[in-house]
C-alpha cells in the first residue's frame, strides 16, 4: 500500500513539474511568468516528492529504490504530457527504447528483492 501511495505521489509531483517547466512552451500566456509558475507549481510538487520518497522508503527500506522509481515514473509522465500537449511523438526508436529502459528500471525495483 505504501508503495502505491508513493508511486501515485510521484505521478502527481511529476505532473506539477511538467507544467511548471513546460507551460511556457504550450501556452503563450506563461512565456514570461517564471515566478508565477514557480509559486503555483513548485510547492505542491515538492510536497508530493517528499512524501513519495517517504512512502517508497517505508515500503522498500532503501533510498535508492525511491530515486529509481521516481526517475522511471518521471519519464512516463513526461512522455504522456509532451505527446498530448506538445504533439511531440514518443513513438521514435530512440524515445521508445528509453521508455522501455525506464519501465525495466521500475520493474527491477519492484520485483528484484
C-alpha atoms as a PDB file:
ATOM      1  CA  UNK A   1       0.000   0.000   0.000  1.00  0.00           C
ATOM      2  CA  UNK A   2       2.821   2.437   0.869  1.00  0.00           C
ATOM      3  CA  UNK A   3       4.432   1.668  -2.479  1.00  0.00           C
ATOM      4  CA  UNK A   4       1.251   2.503  -4.413  1.00  0.00           C
ATOM      5  CA  UNK A   5       0.847   5.752  -2.484  1.00  0.00           C
ATOM      6  CA  UNK A   6       4.473   6.643  -3.219  1.00  0.00           C
ATOM      7  CA  UNK A   7       4.140   5.951  -6.948  1.00  0.00           C
ATOM      8  CA  UNK A   8       0.876   7.923  -7.068  1.00  0.00           C
ATOM      9  CA  UNK A   9       2.562  10.876  -5.387  1.00  0.00           C
ATOM     10  CA  UNK A  10       5.469  10.636  -7.836  1.00  0.00           C
ATOM     11  CA  UNK A  11       2.966  10.776 -10.701  1.00  0.00           C
ATOM     12  CA  UNK A  12       1.197  13.828  -9.248  1.00  0.00           C
ATOM     13  CA  UNK A  13       4.502  15.543  -8.433  1.00  0.00           C
ATOM     14  CA  UNK A  14       5.774  14.963 -11.955  1.00  0.00           C
ATOM     15  CA  UNK A  15       2.582  16.394 -13.406  1.00  0.00           C
ATOM     16  CA  UNK A  16       3.201  19.560 -11.384  1.00  0.00           C
ATOM     17  CA  UNK A  17       6.835  19.545 -12.568  1.00  0.00           C
ATOM     18  CA  UNK A  18       5.831  19.164 -16.209  1.00  0.00           C
ATOM     19  CA  UNK A  19       3.522  22.158 -16.037  1.00  0.00           C
ATOM     20  CA  UNK A  20       5.991  24.223 -14.020  1.00  0.00           C
ATOM     21  CA  UNK A  21       8.772  23.836 -16.567  1.00  0.00           C
ATOM     22  CA  UNK A  22       6.898  23.394 -19.845  1.00  0.00           C
ATOM     23  CA  UNK A  23       3.751  25.543 -19.710  1.00  0.00           C
ATOM     24  CA  UNK A  24       5.850  28.298 -21.287  1.00  0.00           C
ATOM     25  CA  UNK A  25       6.023  26.232 -24.477  1.00  0.00           C
ATOM     26  CA  UNK A  26       2.362  25.206 -24.564  1.00  0.00           C
ATOM     27  CA  UNK A  27       0.557  28.462 -23.781  1.00  0.00           C
ATOM     28  CA  UNK A  28       1.770  31.905 -24.762  1.00  0.00           C
ATOM     29  CA  UNK A  29       0.464  33.401 -21.508  1.00  0.00           C
ATOM     30  CA  UNK A  30       3.120  31.510 -19.490  1.00  0.00           C
ATOM     31  CA  UNK A  31       6.115  32.631 -21.589  1.00  0.00           C
ATOM     32  CA  UNK A  32       7.172  35.480 -19.278  1.00  0.00           C
ATOM     33  CA  UNK A  33       5.812  34.292 -15.932  1.00  0.00           C
ATOM     34  CA  UNK A  34       8.505  32.147 -14.275  1.00  0.00           C
ATOM     35  CA  UNK A  35       7.707  33.437 -10.787  1.00  0.00           C
ATOM     36  CA  UNK A  36       4.005  32.643 -11.118  1.00  0.00           C
ATOM     37  CA  UNK A  37       4.867  29.206 -12.455  1.00  0.00           C
ATOM     38  CA  UNK A  38       7.273  28.509  -9.618  1.00  0.00           C
ATOM     39  CA  UNK A  39       4.959  29.730  -6.871  1.00  0.00           C
ATOM     40  CA  UNK A  40       1.957  27.883  -8.293  1.00  0.00           C
ATOM     41  CA  UNK A  41       3.554  24.521  -9.066  1.00  0.00           C
ATOM     42  CA  UNK A  42       6.750  24.159  -7.024  1.00  0.00           C
ATOM     43  CA  UNK A  43       5.291  23.970  -3.524  1.00  0.00           C
ATOM     44  CA  UNK A  44       2.737  21.200  -4.193  1.00  0.00           C
ATOM     45  CA  UNK A  45       5.327  19.424  -6.377  1.00  0.00           C
ATOM     46  CA  UNK A  46       7.880  19.408  -3.559  1.00  0.00           C
ATOM     47  CA  UNK A  47       5.384  18.073  -1.032  1.00  0.00           C
ATOM     48  CA  UNK A  48       4.400  15.283  -3.433  1.00  0.00           C
ATOM     49  CA  UNK A  49       8.035  14.294  -3.989  1.00  0.00           C
ATOM     50  CA  UNK A  50       8.882  14.496  -0.282  1.00  0.00           C
ATOM     51  CA  UNK A  51       6.010  12.198   0.664  1.00  0.00           C
ATOM     52  CA  UNK A  52       6.537   9.911  -2.341  1.00  0.00           C
ATOM     53  CA  UNK A  53      10.103   9.264  -1.219  1.00  0.00           C
ATOM     54  CA  UNK A  54       8.925   8.708   2.355  1.00  0.00           C
ATOM     55  CA  UNK A  55       6.351   6.088   1.323  1.00  0.00           C
ATOM     56  CA  UNK A  56       8.659   4.255  -1.098  1.00  0.00           C
ATOM     57  CA  UNK A  57      11.425   4.071   1.523  1.00  0.00           C
ATOM     58  CA  UNK A  58       8.908   2.900   4.149  1.00  0.00           C
ATOM     59  CA  UNK A  59       7.936   0.066   1.826  1.00  0.00           C
ATOM     60  CA  UNK A  60      11.339  -0.878   0.388  1.00  0.00           C
ATOM     61  CA  UNK A  61      13.716   0.179   3.154  1.00  0.00           C
ATOM     62  CA  UNK A  62      16.037   1.656   0.521  1.00  0.00           C
ATOM     63  CA  UNK A  63      16.526   5.223  -0.614  1.00  0.00           C
ATOM     64  CA  UNK A  64      17.864   4.055  -3.986  1.00  0.00           C
ATOM     65  CA  UNK A  65      14.513   2.447  -4.755  1.00  0.00           C
ATOM     66  CA  UNK A  66      12.741   5.793  -4.387  1.00  0.00           C
ATOM     67  CA  UNK A  67      15.272   7.515  -6.659  1.00  0.00           C
ATOM     68  CA  UNK A  68      14.959   4.936  -9.420  1.00  0.00           C
ATOM     69  CA  UNK A  69      11.171   4.635  -9.182  1.00  0.00           C
ATOM     70  CA  UNK A  70      10.914   8.431  -9.319  1.00  0.00           C
ATOM     71  CA  UNK A  71      13.178   8.522 -12.379  1.00  0.00           C
ATOM     72  CA  UNK A  72      11.157   5.892 -14.212  1.00  0.00           C
ATOM     73  CA  UNK A  73       7.808   7.460 -13.374  1.00  0.00           C
ATOM     74  CA  UNK A  74       9.039  10.898 -14.450  1.00  0.00           C
ATOM     75  CA  UNK A  75       9.893   9.589 -17.913  1.00  0.00           C
ATOM     76  CA  UNK A  76       6.408   8.193 -18.453  1.00  0.00           C
ATOM     77  CA  UNK A  77       4.674  11.348 -17.180  1.00  0.00           C
ATOM     78  CA  UNK A  78       6.926  13.492 -19.385  1.00  0.00           C
ATOM     79  CA  UNK A  79       6.243  11.312 -22.423  1.00  0.00           C
ATOM     80  CA  UNK A  80       2.474  11.415 -21.897  1.00  0.00           C
ATOM     81  CA  UNK A  81       2.136  15.179 -21.440  1.00  0.00           C
ATOM     82  CA  UNK A  82       4.679  16.035 -24.125  1.00  0.00           C
ATOM     83  CA  UNK A  83       2.850  13.811 -26.595  1.00  0.00           C
ATOM     84  CA  UNK A  84      -0.620  15.155 -25.851  1.00  0.00           C
ATOM     85  CA  UNK A  85       0.135  18.822 -25.212  1.00  0.00           C
ATOM     86  CA  UNK A  86       3.212  19.487 -27.362  1.00  0.00           C
ATOM     87  CA  UNK A  87       2.326  16.969 -30.097  1.00  0.00           C
ATOM     88  CA  UNK A  88       5.884  15.594 -29.950  1.00  0.00           C
ATOM     89  CA  UNK A  89       5.851  11.935 -30.792  1.00  0.00           C
ATOM     90  CA  UNK A  90       7.191   9.488 -28.262  1.00  0.00           C
ATOM     91  CA  UNK A  91       6.951   6.795 -30.929  1.00  0.00           C
ATOM     92  CA  UNK A  92      10.507   7.010 -32.190  1.00  0.00           C
ATOM     93  CA  UNK A  93      13.034   4.214 -31.782  1.00  0.00           C
ATOM     94  CA  UNK A  94      15.192   6.377 -29.501  1.00  0.00           C
ATOM     95  CA  UNK A  95      12.363   7.521 -27.220  1.00  0.00           C
ATOM     96  CA  UNK A  96      10.634   4.147 -27.081  1.00  0.00           C
ATOM     97  CA  UNK A  97      13.963   2.493 -26.217  1.00  0.00           C
ATOM     98  CA  UNK A  98      14.416   4.932 -23.354  1.00  0.00           C
ATOM     99  CA  UNK A  99      10.863   4.368 -22.130  1.00  0.00           C
ATOM    100  CA  UNK A 100      11.399   0.604 -22.234  1.00  0.00           C
ATOM    101  CA  UNK A 101      14.552   1.066 -20.153  1.00  0.00           C
ATOM    102  CA  UNK A 102      12.668   3.303 -17.706  1.00  0.00           C
ATOM    103  CA  UNK A 103       9.990   0.612 -17.435  1.00  0.00           C
ATOM    104  CA  UNK A 104      12.680  -2.006 -16.852  1.00  0.00           C
ATOM    105  CA  UNK A 105      14.146   0.138 -14.055  1.00  0.00           C
ATOM    106  CA  UNK A 106      10.737   0.335 -12.371  1.00  0.00           C
ATOM    107  CA  UNK A 107      10.136  -3.407 -12.728  1.00  0.00           C
ATOM    108  CA  UNK A 108      13.590  -4.239 -11.348  1.00  0.00           C
ATOM    109  CA  UNK A 109      12.933  -2.050  -8.312  1.00  0.00           C
ATOM    110  CA  UNK A 110       9.546  -3.676  -7.725  1.00  0.00           C
ATOM    111  CA  UNK A 111      10.367  -7.338  -8.272  1.00  0.00           C
ATOM    112  CA  UNK A 112      14.106  -7.795  -7.576  1.00  0.00           C
ATOM    113  CA  UNK A 113      14.396  -8.297  -3.826  1.00  0.00           C
END
